[in-house]
Amino acid sequence: MSQVDDIVGMIKADAIDMDALEAAMDAASHDERMAVLRTLTPKLQRRLFDAAEGRKVTIEQIVPSDTSQLKEVIHEGQNTLPAFRHFQKRFCRPSDANAPEDREVLWGYNHQTMSGFTGPGYFVAYDDEENGEVCIDYRELPPEHPDVWPDIISNKAKLGFLVYAGMVDRLRRVSKDVTIGRAYKNKPMNAWFTLVRKP
């Protein structure tokens, strides 16, 4: 069996050994992690999110603190929607001029084929220290963005009000470069996604 088959087998197991899965993910190449991502069905993503409860992740893992200000870090994603399942979440560290004084945050947006209809889906990401999760909060908009990113618009504009408005994604740790998330709008939604950070 290949490394990819081994990892997928771990996720399909009756009980997911998250420590063993993390070690296997960390040992895999980026291409192998992406191959695992592309095989994950909605059911497997739901199971993985539940199994990752309590596994701490912080924005340091999403964008390391030694990353240059406003330099994008791309995480490849796959969601559980019926269509348009492949996307990217693109993150960056804020500039000193716009960084909040009271907390550490990331700026970001969703890069996907339907953005012409939904808008870019800008967000602010921050640590939820109580739950050990990262919140991707579409209720907040960043005040700036890298030059290569699209213009910032309200998440209530276009069809964004159906997709992004009022939404918060919560991320849990799978491994150093892999996270699993679920969308919430006041309550959990039937929407999960997996992210793999590009090297």
Foldseek 3Di string as FASTA:
>chain_A
DDLLVVLLVLLVDPARPLVVNQVSCVPDDLVSVVVNQVPQALVSLVSVVVNLFQAADFVCLVPNPVDDAQDKWKWWKAKHDPDQGTWIKIKGFHDPVQADPPFGKIKIFIGGDCCVQQPGQIFIWGAPVVRNKIKTASCDHGPDHRPPDDDDDRCCPGNSVVPRPQKIKIWGDRYSFKIKIFIDRPHTDSMIMMIGIDD
